[in-house]
Amino acid sequence: MAEATATFDVRRHGSAGVLDIRGDVTAGSEDVLMKAYESAGEVTAVVLNFAGLSYMNSGGIGLLVTLLVRAKRRSQRLLAYGLSEHYRQIFELTRLDEAIGIHDTEQDALAAAGVARRGEHHE
């Protein structure tokens, strides 16, 4: 089995879990990604932060599909931000952008998840 070359740090913002992705997301990242997803706990939305992504191949895209299936089973929304133009195009080509909400910033993604960050108010 390929060795994981990505790390996933988990932060909670209200009812949303934010997974900060760093490194290369490949099929070898499955165990660390799923552990990070589980450690987010009972959340209504999972926000993937791709700002620290170095590389993602088709195996990594496949992991996102697996994550999407798990999130849907739990009635959780999957959102993302920090995607480079290259990976935005890949999300469009694979139609992942139709299932995963793509946003420009963490603030936008959390707002779409219905979560206001501390000190911010929705009108």
PDB file of N, CA and C in Angstrom:
ATOM      1  N   MET A   1       0.841  -1.185   0.000  1.00  0.00           N
ATOM      2  CA  MET A   1       0.000   0.000   0.000  1.00  0.00           C
ATOM      3  C   MET A   1       0.888   1.252   0.000  1.00  0.00           C
ATOM      4  N   ALA A   2       0.488   2.240  -0.742  1.00  0.00           N
ATOM      5  CA  ALA A   2       1.263   3.477  -0.832  1.00  0.00           C
ATOM      6  C   ALA A   2       1.261   4.200   0.513  1.00  0.00           C
ATOM      7  N   GLU A   3       2.355   4.872   0.784  1.00  0.00           N
ATOM      8  CA  GLU A   3       2.471   5.618   2.036  1.00  0.00           C
ATOM      9  C   GLU A   3       1.771   6.967   1.903  1.00  0.00           C
ATOM     10  N   ALA A   4       1.101   7.377   2.952  1.00  0.00           N
ATOM     11  CA  ALA A   4       0.400   8.658   2.942  1.00  0.00           C
ATOM     12  C   ALA A   4       1.393   9.805   2.903  1.00  0.00           C
ATOM     13  N   THR A   5       1.144  10.756   2.032  1.00  0.00           N
ATOM     14  CA  THR A   5       2.005  11.932   1.943  1.00  0.00           C
ATOM     15  C   THR A   5       1.185  13.196   2.201  1.00  0.00           C
ATOM     16  N   ALA A   6       0.036  13.024   2.814  1.00  0.00           N
ATOM     17  CA  ALA A   6      -0.819  14.163   3.150  1.00  0.00           C
ATOM     18  C   ALA A   6      -1.129  14.124   4.636  1.00  0.00           C
ATOM     19  N   THR A   7      -1.371  15.306   5.192  1.00  0.00           N
ATOM     20  CA  THR A   7      -1.862  15.386   6.564  1.00  0.00           C
ATOM     21  C   THR A   7      -3.167  16.151   6.545  1.00  0.00           C
ATOM     22  N   PHE A   8      -4.019  15.845   7.499  1.00  0.00           N
ATOM     23  CA  PHE A   8      -5.329  16.471   7.609  1.00  0.00           C
ATOM     24  C   PHE A   8      -5.532  16.902   9.047  1.00  0.00           C
ATOM     25  N   ASP A   9      -5.502  18.206   9.284  1.00  0.00           N
ATOM     26  CA  ASP A   9      -5.771  18.733  10.612  1.00  0.00           C
ATOM     27  C   ASP A   9      -7.248  19.099  10.680  1.00  0.00           C
ATOM     28  N   VAL A  10      -7.869  18.839  11.820  1.00  0.00           N
ATOM     29  CA  VAL A  10      -9.306  19.053  11.965  1.00  0.00           C
ATOM     30  C   VAL A  10      -9.575  20.186  12.946  1.00  0.00           C
ATOM     31  N   ARG A  11     -10.435  21.106  12.543  1.00  0.00           N
ATOM     32  CA  ARG A  11     -10.884  22.195  13.414  1.00  0.00           C
ATOM     33  C   ARG A  11     -12.401  22.200  13.408  1.00  0.00           C
ATOM     34  N   ARG A  12     -12.984  22.596  14.536  1.00  0.00           N
ATOM     35  CA  ARG A  12     -14.448  22.718  14.615  1.00  0.00           C
ATOM     36  C   ARG A  12     -14.843  24.182  14.617  1.00  0.00           C
ATOM     37  N   HIS A  13     -15.865  24.509  13.849  1.00  0.00           N
ATOM     38  CA  HIS A  13     -16.498  25.829  13.864  1.00  0.00           C
ATOM     39  C   HIS A  13     -17.988  25.567  14.018  1.00  0.00           C
ATOM     40  N   GLY A  14     -18.458  25.616  15.247  1.00  0.00           N
ATOM     41  CA  GLY A  14     -19.874  25.339  15.475  1.00  0.00           C
ATOM     42  C   GLY A  14     -20.229  23.946  15.002  1.00  0.00           C
ATOM     43  N   SER A  15     -21.199  23.863  14.101  1.00  0.00           N
ATOM     44  CA  SER A  15     -21.661  22.562  13.610  1.00  0.00           C
ATOM     45  C   SER A  15     -20.901  22.103  12.364  1.00  0.00           C
ATOM     46  N   ALA A  16     -19.804  22.775  12.027  1.00  0.00           N
ATOM     47  CA  ALA A  16     -19.003  22.391  10.857  1.00  0.00           C
ATOM     48  C   ALA A  16     -17.621  21.929  11.295  1.00  0.00           C
ATOM     49  N   GLY A  17     -17.109  20.954  10.583  1.00  0.00           N
ATOM     50  CA  GLY A  17     -15.738  20.501  10.779  1.00  0.00           C
ATOM     51  C   GLY A  17     -14.912  20.939   9.589  1.00  0.00           C
ATOM     52  N   VAL A  18     -13.766  21.557   9.841  1.00  0.00           N
ATOM     53  CA  VAL A  18     -12.875  22.005   8.771  1.00  0.00           C
ATOM     54  C   VAL A  18     -11.665  21.084   8.746  1.00  0.00           C
ATOM     55  N   LEU A  19     -11.390  20.484   7.582  1.00  0.00           N
ATOM     56  CA  LEU A  19     -10.223  19.628   7.404  1.00  0.00           C
ATOM     57  C   LEU A  19      -9.189  20.395   6.593  1.00  0.00           C
ATOM     58  N   ASP A  20      -8.080  20.742   7.243  1.00  0.00           N
ATOM     59  CA  ASP A  20      -6.981  21.443   6.572  1.00  0.00           C
ATOM     60  C   ASP A  20      -6.080  20.397   5.922  1.00  0.00           C
ATOM     61  N   ILE A  21      -6.026  20.418   4.608  1.00  0.00           N
ATOM     62  CA  ILE A  21      -5.275  19.428   3.831  1.00  0.00           C
ATOM     63  C   ILE A  21      -3.891  19.984   3.509  1.00  0.00           C
ATOM     64  N   ARG A  22      -2.858  19.180   3.771  1.00  0.00           N
ATOM     65  CA  ARG A  22      -1.495  19.573   3.414  1.00  0.00           C
ATOM     66  C   ARG A  22      -0.808  18.404   2.716  1.00  0.00           C
ATOM     67  N   GLY A  23      -0.134  18.701   1.622  1.00  0.00           N
ATOM     68  CA  GLY A  23       0.637  17.676   0.931  1.00  0.00           C
ATOM     69  C   GLY A  23      -0.081  17.104  -0.270  1.00  0.00           C
ATOM     70  N   ASP A  24       0.243  15.837  -0.559  1.00  0.00           N
ATOM     71  CA  ASP A  24      -0.264  15.141  -1.744  1.00  0.00           C
ATOM     72  C   ASP A  24      -1.411  14.218  -1.365  1.00  0.00           C
ATOM     73  N   VAL A  25      -2.545  14.382  -2.047  1.00  0.00           N
ATOM     74  CA  VAL A  25      -3.700  13.516  -1.795  1.00  0.00           C
ATOM     75  C   VAL A  25      -3.750  12.466  -2.905  1.00  0.00           C
ATOM     76  N   THR A  26      -3.496  11.224  -2.498  1.00  0.00           N
ATOM     77  CA  THR A  26      -3.488  10.083  -3.417  1.00  0.00           C
ATOM     78  C   THR A  26      -4.256   8.944  -2.752  1.00  0.00           C
ATOM     79  N   ALA A  27      -4.335   7.816  -3.417  1.00  0.00           N
ATOM     80  CA  ALA A  27      -5.021   6.662  -2.833  1.00  0.00           C
ATOM     81  C   ALA A  27      -4.398   6.282  -1.488  1.00  0.00           C
ATOM     82  N   GLY A  28      -3.098   6.533  -1.307  1.00  0.00           N
ATOM     83  CA  GLY A  28      -2.420   6.221  -0.053  1.00  0.00           C
ATOM     84  C   GLY A  28      -2.857   7.102   1.108  1.00  0.00           C
ATOM     85  N   SER A  29      -3.652   8.133   0.825  1.00  0.00           N
ATOM     86  CA  SER A  29      -4.126   9.051   1.869  1.00  0.00           C
ATOM     87  C   SER A  29      -5.421   8.589   2.524  1.00  0.00           C
ATOM     88  N   GLU A  30      -5.968   7.464   2.076  1.00  0.00           N
ATOM     89  CA  GLU A  30      -7.295   7.056   2.536  1.00  0.00           C
ATOM     90  C   GLU A  30      -7.405   6.959   4.050  1.00  0.00           C
ATOM     91  N   ASP A  31      -6.482   6.255   4.696  1.00  0.00           N
ATOM     92  CA  ASP A  31      -6.586   6.053   6.143  1.00  0.00           C
ATOM     93  C   ASP A  31      -6.544   7.371   6.906  1.00  0.00           C
ATOM     94  N   VAL A  32      -5.591   8.254   6.556  1.00  0.00           N
ATOM     95  CA  VAL A  32      -5.490   9.512   7.298  1.00  0.00           C
ATOM     96  C   VAL A  32      -6.672  10.427   7.016  1.00  0.00           C
ATOM     97  N   LEU A  33      -7.180  10.416   5.785  1.00  0.00           N
ATOM     98  CA  LEU A  33      -8.350  11.242   5.465  1.00  0.00           C
ATOM     99  C   LEU A  33      -9.576  10.750   6.225  1.00  0.00           C
ATOM    100  N   MET A  34      -9.816   9.449   6.230  1.00  0.00           N
ATOM    101  CA  MET A  34     -11.009   8.922   6.890  1.00  0.00           C
ATOM    102  C   MET A  34     -10.914   9.082   8.415  1.00  0.00           C
ATOM    103  N   LYS A  35      -9.715   8.964   8.981  1.00  0.00           N
ATOM    104  CA  LYS A  35      -9.555   9.210  10.420  1.00  0.00           C
ATOM    105  C   LYS A  35      -9.853  10.664  10.747  1.00  0.00           C
ATOM    106  N   ALA A  36      -9.371  11.577   9.897  1.00  0.00           N
ATOM    107  CA  ALA A  36      -9.641  13.004  10.114  1.00  0.00           C
ATOM    108  C   ALA A  36     -11.138  13.277   9.997  1.00  0.00           C
ATOM    109  N   TYR A  37     -11.776  12.668   8.999  1.00  0.00           N
ATOM    110  CA  TYR A  37     -13.221  12.841   8.819  1.00  0.00           C
ATOM    111  C   TYR A  37     -13.971  12.357  10.061  1.00  0.00           C
ATOM    112  N   GLU A  38     -13.615  11.179  10.555  1.00  0.00           N
ATOM    113  CA  GLU A  38     -14.279  10.635  11.745  1.00  0.00           C
ATOM    114  C   GLU A  38     -14.034  11.515  12.970  1.00  0.00           C
ATOM    115  N   SER A  39     -12.833  12.080  13.078  1.00  0.00           N
ATOM    116  CA  SER A  39     -12.523  12.891  14.253  1.00  0.00           C
ATOM    117  C   SER A  39     -13.263  14.231  14.253  1.00  0.00           C
ATOM    118  N   ALA A  40     -13.820  14.620  13.109  1.00  0.00           N
ATOM    119  CA  ALA A  40     -14.626  15.852  13.063  1.00  0.00           C
ATOM    120  C   ALA A  40     -15.889  15.688  13.901  1.00  0.00           C
ATOM    121  N   GLY A  41     -16.303  14.439  14.107  1.00  0.00           N
ATOM    122  CA  GLY A  41     -17.452  14.163  14.973  1.00  0.00           C
ATOM    123  C   GLY A  41     -18.783  14.437  14.298  1.00  0.00           C
ATOM    124  N   GLU A  42     -19.783  14.673  15.118  1.00  0.00           N
ATOM    125  CA  GLU A  42     -21.145  14.904  14.634  1.00  0.00           C
ATOM    126  C   GLU A  42     -21.268  16.344  14.140  1.00  0.00           C
ATOM    127  N   VAL A  43     -21.108  16.532  12.860  1.00  0.00           N
ATOM    128  CA  VAL A  43     -21.207  17.860  12.257  1.00  0.00           C
ATOM    129  C   VAL A  43     -22.255  17.828  11.151  1.00  0.00           C
ATOM    130  N   THR A  44     -22.779  18.988  10.808  1.00  0.00           N
ATOM    131  CA  THR A  44     -23.755  19.060   9.716  1.00  0.00           C
ATOM    132  C   THR A  44     -23.070  19.342   8.383  1.00  0.00           C
ATOM    133  N   ALA A  45     -21.816  19.833   8.458  1.00  0.00           N
ATOM    134  CA  ALA A  45     -21.064  20.119   7.236  1.00  0.00           C
ATOM    135  C   ALA A  45     -19.583  19.838   7.459  1.00  0.00           C
ATOM    136  N   VAL A  46     -18.939  19.374   6.400  1.00  0.00           N
ATOM    137  CA  VAL A  46     -17.500  19.159   6.402  1.00  0.00           C
ATOM    138  C   VAL A  46     -16.916  20.091   5.344  1.00  0.00           C
ATOM    139  N   VAL A  47     -15.985  20.933   5.778  1.00  0.00           N
ATOM    140  CA  VAL A  47     -15.354  21.903   4.886  1.00  0.00           C
ATOM    141  C   VAL A  47     -13.923  21.450   4.632  1.00  0.00           C
ATOM    142  N   LEU A  48     -13.587  21.244   3.367  1.00  0.00           N
ATOM    143  CA  LEU A  48     -12.241  20.823   2.990  1.00  0.00           C
ATOM    144  C   LEU A  48     -11.436  22.051   2.581  1.00  0.00           C
ATOM    145  N   ASN A  49     -10.328  22.282   3.270  1.00  0.00           N
ATOM    146  CA  ASN A  49      -9.452  23.409   2.976  1.00  0.00           C
ATOM    147  C   ASN A  49      -8.304  22.899   2.110  1.00  0.00           C
ATOM    148  N   PHE A  50      -8.330  23.248   0.820  1.00  0.00           N
ATOM    149  CA  PHE A  50      -7.315  22.779  -0.121  1.00  0.00           C
ATOM    150  C   PHE A  50      -6.143  23.751  -0.278  1.00  0.00           C
ATOM    151  N   ALA A  51      -6.067  24.791   0.543  1.00  0.00           N
ATOM    152  CA  ALA A  51      -5.015  25.807   0.394  1.00  0.00           C
ATOM    153  C   ALA A  51      -3.615  25.204   0.509  1.00  0.00           C
ATOM    154  N   GLY A  52      -3.454  24.156   1.313  1.00  0.00           N
ATOM    155  CA  GLY A  52      -2.138  23.538   1.496  1.00  0.00           C
ATOM    156  C   GLY A  52      -1.901  22.329   0.605  1.00  0.00           C
ATOM    157  N   LEU A  53      -2.795  22.101  -0.370  1.00  0.00           N
ATOM    158  CA  LEU A  53      -2.662  20.954  -1.271  1.00  0.00           C
ATOM    159  C   LEU A  53      -1.478  21.153  -2.213  1.00  0.00           C
ATOM    160  N   SER A  54      -0.613  20.148  -2.292  1.00  0.00           N
ATOM    161  CA  SER A  54       0.511  20.195  -3.233  1.00  0.00           C
ATOM    162  C   SER A  54       0.144  19.494  -4.533  1.00  0.00           C
ATOM    163  N   TYR A  55      -0.540  18.357  -4.409  1.00  0.00           N
ATOM    164  CA  TYR A  55      -0.812  17.516  -5.574  1.00  0.00           C
ATOM    165  C   TYR A  55      -1.983  16.602  -5.255  1.00  0.00           C
ATOM    166  N   MET A  56      -2.805  16.317  -6.273  1.00  0.00           N
ATOM    167  CA  MET A  56      -3.881  15.336  -6.120  1.00  0.00           C
ATOM    168  C   MET A  56      -4.011  14.604  -7.444  1.00  0.00           C
ATOM    169  N   ASN A  57      -4.049  13.268  -7.368  1.00  0.00           N
ATOM    170  CA  ASN A  57      -4.206  12.482  -8.591  1.00  0.00           C
ATOM    171  C   ASN A  57      -5.586  11.831  -8.616  1.00  0.00           C
ATOM    172  N   SER A  58      -5.802  10.932  -9.560  1.00  0.00           N
ATOM    173  CA  SER A  58      -7.121  10.299  -9.694  1.00  0.00           C
ATOM    174  C   SER A  58      -7.490   9.495  -8.455  1.00  0.00           C
ATOM    175  N   GLY A  59      -6.490   8.922  -7.785  1.00  0.00           N
ATOM    176  CA  GLY A  59      -6.763   8.213  -6.528  1.00  0.00           C
ATOM    177  C   GLY A  59      -7.294   9.157  -5.468  1.00  0.00           C
ATOM    178  N   GLY A  60      -6.760  10.367  -5.431  1.00  0.00           N
ATOM    179  CA  GLY A  60      -7.237  11.389  -4.500  1.00  0.00           C
ATOM    180  C   GLY A  60      -8.653  11.823  -4.824  1.00  0.00           C
ATOM    181  N   ILE A  61      -8.958  11.964  -6.112  1.00  0.00           N
ATOM    182  CA  ILE A  61     -10.324  12.297  -6.538  1.00  0.00           C
ATOM    183  C   ILE A  61     -11.271  11.181  -6.101  1.00  0.00           C
ATOM    184  N   GLY A  62     -10.832   9.940  -6.253  1.00  0.00           N
ATOM    185  CA  GLY A  62     -11.643   8.800  -5.827  1.00  0.00           C
ATOM    186  C   GLY A  62     -11.930   8.846  -4.329  1.00  0.00           C
ATOM    187  N   LEU A  63     -10.939   9.272  -3.533  1.00  0.00           N
ATOM    188  CA  LEU A  63     -11.150   9.408  -2.089  1.00  0.00           C
ATOM    189  C   LEU A  63     -12.208  10.459  -1.788  1.00  0.00           C
ATOM    190  N   LEU A  64     -12.213  11.547  -2.564  1.00  0.00           N
ATOM    191  CA  LEU A  64     -13.230  12.582  -2.358  1.00  0.00           C
ATOM    192  C   LEU A  64     -14.622  12.042  -2.642  1.00  0.00           C
ATOM    193  N   VAL A  65     -14.722  11.186  -3.652  1.00  0.00           N
ATOM    194  CA  VAL A  65     -16.023  10.563  -3.960  1.00  0.00           C
ATOM    195  C   VAL A  65     -16.451   9.666  -2.800  1.00  0.00           C
ATOM    196  N   THR A  66     -15.516   8.881  -2.246  1.00  0.00           N
ATOM    197  CA  THR A  66     -15.810   8.038  -1.082  1.00  0.00           C
ATOM    198  C   THR A  66     -16.266   8.892   0.096  1.00  0.00           C
ATOM    199  N   LEU A  67     -15.552   9.993   0.327  1.00  0.00           N
ATOM    200  CA  LEU A  67     -15.915  10.905   1.416  1.00  0.00           C
ATOM    201  C   LEU A  67     -17.300  11.494   1.185  1.00  0.00           C
ATOM    202  N   LEU A  68     -17.595  11.841  -0.043  1.00  0.00           N
ATOM    203  CA  LEU A  68     -18.904  12.397  -0.394  1.00  0.00           C
ATOM    204  C   LEU A  68     -20.023  11.399  -0.085  1.00  0.00           C
ATOM    205  N   VAL A  69     -19.809  10.136  -0.416  1.00  0.00           N
ATOM    206  CA  VAL A  69     -20.801   9.092  -0.138  1.00  0.00           C
ATOM    207  C   VAL A  69     -21.028   8.973   1.368  1.00  0.00           C
ATOM    208  N   ARG A  70     -19.950   8.963   2.140  1.00  0.00           N
ATOM    209  CA  ARG A  70     -20.081   8.867   3.599  1.00  0.00           C
ATOM    210  C   ARG A  70     -20.811  10.076   4.171  1.00  0.00           C
ATOM    211  N   ALA A  71     -20.471  11.257   3.679  1.00  0.00           N
ATOM    212  CA  ALA A  71     -21.115  12.477   4.166  1.00  0.00           C
ATOM    213  C   ALA A  71     -22.609  12.463   3.835  1.00  0.00           C
ATOM    214  N   LYS A  72     -22.955  12.028   2.632  1.00  0.00           N
ATOM    215  CA  LYS A  72     -24.370  11.978   2.233  1.00  0.00           C
ATOM    216  C   LYS A  72     -25.156  11.014   3.114  1.00  0.00           C
ATOM    217  N   ARG A  73     -24.525   9.879   3.455  1.00  0.00           N
ATOM    218  CA  ARG A  73     -25.189   8.903   4.340  1.00  0.00           C
ATOM    219  C   ARG A  73     -25.533   9.522   5.688  1.00  0.00           C
ATOM    220  N   ARG A  74     -24.711  10.455   6.120  1.00  0.00           N
ATOM    221  CA  ARG A  74     -24.920  11.113   7.418  1.00  0.00           C
ATOM    222  C   ARG A  74     -25.653  12.445   7.268  1.00  0.00           C
ATOM    223  N   SER A  75     -26.176  12.703   6.084  1.00  0.00           N
ATOM    224  CA  SER A  75     -26.879  13.968   5.799  1.00  0.00           C
ATOM    225  C   SER A  75     -26.004  15.189   6.079  1.00  0.00           C
ATOM    226  N   GLN A  76     -24.722  15.058   5.753  1.00  0.00           N
ATOM    227  CA  GLN A  76     -23.779  16.156   5.917  1.00  0.00           C
ATOM    228  C   GLN A  76     -23.496  16.790   4.556  1.00  0.00           C
ATOM    229  N   ARG A  77     -23.295  18.098   4.578  1.00  0.00           N
ATOM    230  CA  ARG A  77     -22.891  18.796   3.357  1.00  0.00           C
ATOM    231  C   ARG A  77     -21.376  18.762   3.267  1.00  0.00           C
ATOM    232  N   LEU A  78     -20.872  18.668   2.056  1.00  0.00           N
ATOM    233  CA  LEU A  78     -19.438  18.713   1.815  1.00  0.00           C
ATOM    234  C   LEU A  78     -19.147  19.988   1.041  1.00  0.00           C
ATOM    235  N   LEU A  79     -18.242  20.809   1.591  1.00  0.00           N
ATOM    236  CA  LEU A  79     -17.884  22.091   0.989  1.00  0.00           C
ATOM    237  C   LEU A  79     -16.367  22.154   0.877  1.00  0.00           C
ATOM    238  N   ALA A  80     -15.891  23.039   0.008  1.00  0.00           N
ATOM    239  CA  ALA A  80     -14.446  23.167  -0.181  1.00  0.00           C
ATOM    240  C   ALA A  80     -14.074  24.612  -0.468  1.00  0.00           C
ATOM    241  N   TYR A  81     -12.832  24.947  -0.122  1.00  0.00           N
ATOM    242  CA  TYR A  81     -12.277  26.245  -0.510  1.00  0.00           C
ATOM    243  C   TYR A  81     -10.768  26.089  -0.655  1.00  0.00           C
ATOM    244  N   GLY A  82     -10.141  27.094  -1.238  1.00  0.00           N
ATOM    245  CA  GLY A  82      -8.696  27.071  -1.395  1.00  0.00           C
ATOM    246  C   GLY A  82      -8.206  26.281  -2.595  1.00  0.00           C
ATOM    247  N   LEU A  83      -9.117  25.932  -3.509  1.00  0.00           N
ATOM    248  CA  LEU A  83      -8.708  25.180  -4.699  1.00  0.00           C
ATOM    249  C   LEU A  83      -8.014  26.107  -5.693  1.00  0.00           C
ATOM    250  N   SER A  84      -6.913  25.644  -6.261  1.00  0.00           N
ATOM    251  CA  SER A  84      -6.252  26.394  -7.334  1.00  0.00           C
ATOM    252  C   SER A  84      -7.144  26.321  -8.575  1.00  0.00           C
ATOM    253  N   GLU A  85      -6.863  27.158  -9.538  1.00  0.00           N
ATOM    254  CA  GLU A  85      -7.633  27.148 -10.790  1.00  0.00           C
ATOM    255  C   GLU A  85      -7.569  25.773 -11.449  1.00  0.00           C
ATOM    256  N   HIS A  86      -6.400  25.135 -11.416  1.00  0.00           N
ATOM    257  CA  HIS A  86      -6.217  23.804 -12.000  1.00  0.00           C
ATOM    258  C   HIS A  86      -7.179  22.794 -11.371  1.00  0.00           C
ATOM    259  N   TYR A  87      -7.245  22.764 -10.036  1.00  0.00           N
ATOM    260  CA  TYR A  87      -8.100  21.784  -9.369  1.00  0.00           C
ATOM    261  C   TYR A  87      -9.575  22.170  -9.465  1.00  0.00           C
ATOM    262  N   ARG A  88      -9.881  23.467  -9.571  1.00  0.00           N
ATOM    263  CA  ARG A  88     -11.272  23.869  -9.842  1.00  0.00           C
ATOM    264  C   ARG A  88     -11.728  23.279 -11.171  1.00  0.00           C
ATOM    265  N   GLN A  89     -10.848  23.333 -12.177  1.00  0.00           N
ATOM    266  CA  GLN A  89     -11.191  22.772 -13.495  1.00  0.00           C
ATOM    267  C   GLN A  89     -11.390  21.269 -13.411  1.00  0.00           C
ATOM    268  N   ILE A  90     -10.551  20.595 -12.621  1.00  0.00           N
ATOM    269  CA  ILE A  90     -10.711  19.148 -12.453  1.00  0.00           C
ATOM    270  C   ILE A  90     -12.039  18.838 -11.770  1.00  0.00           C
ATOM    271  N   PHE A  91     -12.414  19.623 -10.758  1.00  0.00           N
ATOM    272  CA  PHE A  91     -13.705  19.435 -10.096  1.00  0.00           C
ATOM    273  C   PHE A  91     -14.839  19.620 -11.095  1.00  0.00           C
ATOM    274  N   GLU A  92     -14.701  20.584 -12.011  1.00  0.00           N
ATOM    275  CA  GLU A  92     -15.739  20.803 -13.021  1.00  0.00           C
ATOM    276  C   GLU A  92     -15.782  19.640 -14.012  1.00  0.00           C
ATOM    277  N   LEU A  93     -14.621  19.202 -14.478  1.00  0.00           N
ATOM    278  CA  LEU A  93     -14.560  18.097 -15.439  1.00  0.00           C
ATOM    279  C   LEU A  93     -15.139  16.807 -14.872  1.00  0.00           C
ATOM    280  N   THR A  94     -14.885  16.550 -13.600  1.00  0.00           N
ATOM    281  CA  THR A  94     -15.366  15.323 -12.960  1.00  0.00           C
ATOM    282  C   THR A  94     -16.771  15.506 -12.375  1.00  0.00           C
ATOM    283  N   ARG A  95     -17.287  16.723 -12.482  1.00  0.00           N
ATOM    284  CA  ARG A  95     -18.603  17.106 -11.966  1.00  0.00           C
ATOM    285  C   ARG A  95     -18.680  17.035 -10.443  1.00  0.00           C
ATOM    286  N   LEU A  96     -17.530  16.995  -9.785  1.00  0.00           N
ATOM    287  CA  LEU A  96     -17.524  17.042  -8.321  1.00  0.00           C
ATOM    288  C   LEU A  96     -18.068  18.379  -7.819  1.00  0.00           C
ATOM    289  N   ASP A  97     -17.919  19.419  -8.653  1.00  0.00           N
ATOM    290  CA  ASP A  97     -18.398  20.741  -8.243  1.00  0.00           C
ATOM    291  C   ASP A  97     -19.919  20.781  -8.099  1.00  0.00           C
ATOM    292  N   GLU A  98     -20.612  19.780  -8.673  1.00  0.00           N
ATOM    293  CA  GLU A  98     -22.075  19.719  -8.541  1.00  0.00           C
ATOM    294  C   GLU A  98     -22.482  19.110  -7.195  1.00  0.00           C
ATOM    295  N   ALA A  99     -21.567  18.365  -6.569  1.00  0.00           N
ATOM    296  CA  ALA A  99     -21.867  17.698  -5.305  1.00  0.00           C
ATOM    297  C   ALA A  99     -21.159  18.344  -4.117  1.00  0.00           C
ATOM    298  N   ILE A 100     -20.036  18.986  -4.389  1.00  0.00           N
ATOM    299  CA  ILE A 100     -19.257  19.641  -3.340  1.00  0.00           C
ATOM    300  C   ILE A 100     -19.309  21.139  -3.604  1.00  0.00           C
ATOM    301  N   GLY A 101     -19.810  21.895  -2.635  1.00  0.00           N
ATOM    302  CA  GLY A 101     -19.888  23.342  -2.797  1.00  0.00           C
ATOM    303  C   GLY A 101     -18.499  23.958  -2.799  1.00  0.00           C
ATOM    304  N   ILE A 102     -18.137  24.652  -3.870  1.00  0.00           N
ATOM    305  CA  ILE A 102     -16.814  25.256  -4.002  1.00  0.00           C
ATOM    306  C   ILE A 102     -16.912  26.739  -3.645  1.00  0.00           C
ATOM    307  N   HIS A 103     -16.030  27.184  -2.759  1.00  0.00           N
ATOM    308  CA  HIS A 103     -16.041  28.580  -2.296  1.00  0.00           C
ATOM    309  C   HIS A 103     -14.639  29.159  -2.359  1.00  0.00           C
ATOM    310  N   ASP A 104     -14.568  30.495  -2.357  1.00  0.00           N
ATOM    311  CA  ASP A 104     -13.276  31.182  -2.443  1.00  0.00           C
ATOM    312  C   ASP A 104     -12.551  31.236  -1.103  1.00  0.00           C
ATOM    313  N   THR A 105     -13.297  31.387  -0.014  1.00  0.00           N
ATOM    314  CA  THR A 105     -12.675  31.554   1.304  1.00  0.00           C
ATOM    315  C   THR A 105     -13.341  30.651   2.336  1.00  0.00           C
ATOM    316  N   GLU A 106     -12.662  30.477   3.454  1.00  0.00           N
ATOM    317  CA  GLU A 106     -13.237  29.707   4.560  1.00  0.00           C
ATOM    318  C   GLU A 106     -14.509  30.385   5.053  1.00  0.00           C
ATOM    319  N   GLN A 107     -14.482  31.698   5.140  1.00  0.00           N
ATOM    320  CA  GLN A 107     -15.655  32.445   5.597  1.00  0.00           C
ATOM    321  C   GLN A 107     -16.860  32.163   4.706  1.00  0.00           C
ATOM    322  N   ASP A 108     -16.647  32.157   3.380  1.00  0.00           N
ATOM    323  CA  ASP A 108     -17.739  31.867   2.443  1.00  0.00           C
ATOM    324  C   ASP A 108     -18.261  30.440   2.622  1.00  0.00           C
ATOM    325  N   ALA A 109     -17.350  29.493   2.796  1.00  0.00           N
ATOM    326  CA  ALA A 109     -17.746  28.090   2.960  1.00  0.00           C
ATOM    327  C   ALA A 109     -18.522  27.899   4.254  1.00  0.00           C
ATOM    328  N   LEU A 110     -18.055  28.520   5.342  1.00  0.00           N
ATOM    329  CA  LEU A 110     -18.760  28.395   6.622  1.00  0.00           C
ATOM    330  C   LEU A 110     -20.129  29.073   6.555  1.00  0.00           C
ATOM    331  N   ALA A 111     -20.218  30.196   5.858  1.00  0.00           N
ATOM    332  CA  ALA A 111     -21.514  30.867   5.700  1.00  0.00           C
ATOM    333  C   ALA A 111     -22.475  29.968   4.928  1.00  0.00           C
ATOM    334  N   ALA A 112     -21.972  29.301   3.891  1.00  0.00           N
ATOM    335  CA  ALA A 112     -22.811  28.380   3.108  1.00  0.00           C
ATOM    336  C   ALA A 112     -23.246  27.196   3.961  1.00  0.00           C
ATOM    337  N   ALA A 113     -22.418  26.830   4.934  1.00  0.00           N
ATOM    338  CA  ALA A 113     -22.753  25.726   5.839  1.00  0.00           C
ATOM    339  C   ALA A 113     -23.694  26.182   6.944  1.00  0.00           C
ATOM    340  N   GLY A 114     -23.967  27.488   6.975  1.00  0.00           N
ATOM    341  CA  GLY A 114     -24.861  28.019   8.002  1.00  0.00           C
ATOM    342  C   GLY A 114     -24.165  28.270   9.318  1.00  0.00           C
ATOM    343  N   VAL A 115     -22.845  28.421   9.277  1.00  0.00           N
ATOM    344  CA  VAL A 115     -22.059  28.639  10.496  1.00  0.00           C
ATOM    345  C   VAL A 115     -21.373  29.991  10.401  1.00  0.00           C
ATOM    346  N   ALA A 116     -21.583  30.832  11.396  1.00  0.00           N
ATOM    347  CA  ALA A 116     -20.871  32.117  11.454  1.00  0.00           C
ATOM    348  C   ALA A 116     -19.642  31.930  12.320  1.00  0.00           C
ATOM    349  N   ARG A 117     -18.523  32.468  11.880  1.00  0.00           N
ATOM    350  CA  ARG A 117     -17.315  32.415  12.712  1.00  0.00           C
ATOM    351  C   ARG A 117     -17.484  33.386  13.860  1.00  0.00           C
ATOM    352  N   ARG A 118     -16.776  33.121  14.954  1.00  0.00           N
ATOM    353  CA  ARG A 118     -16.866  33.981  16.129  1.00  0.00           C
ATOM    354  C   ARG A 118     -16.648  35.443  15.769  1.00  0.00           C
ATOM    355  N   GLY A 119     -17.489  36.300  16.303  1.00  0.00           N
ATOM    356  CA  GLY A 119     -17.342  37.718  16.063  1.00  0.00           C
ATOM    357  C   GLY A 119     -18.039  38.186  14.790  1.00  0.00           C
ATOM    358  N   GLU A 120     -18.606  37.256  14.039  1.00  0.00           N
ATOM    359  CA  GLU A 120     -19.313  37.631  12.821  1.00  0.00           C
ATOM    360  C   GLU A 120     -20.799  37.394  13.018  1.00  0.00           C
ATOM    361  N   HIS A 121     -21.591  38.233  12.420  1.00  0.00           N
ATOM    362  CA  HIS A 121     -23.042  38.112  12.562  1.00  0.00           C
ATOM    363  C   HIS A 121     -23.692  38.073  11.190  1.00  0.00           C
ATOM    364  N   HIS A 122     -24.684  37.236  11.057  1.00  0.00           N
ATOM    365  CA  HIS A 122     -25.478  37.202   9.831  1.00  0.00           C
ATOM    366  C   HIS A 122     -26.650  38.125   9.979  1.00  0.00           C
ATOM    367  N   GLU A 123     -26.998  38.796   8.890  1.00  0.00           N
ATOM    368  CA  GLU A 123     -28.159  39.708   8.939  1.00  0.00           C
ATOM    369  C   GLU A 123     -29.390  38.997   8.451  1.00  0.00           C
TER     370      GLU A 123
END
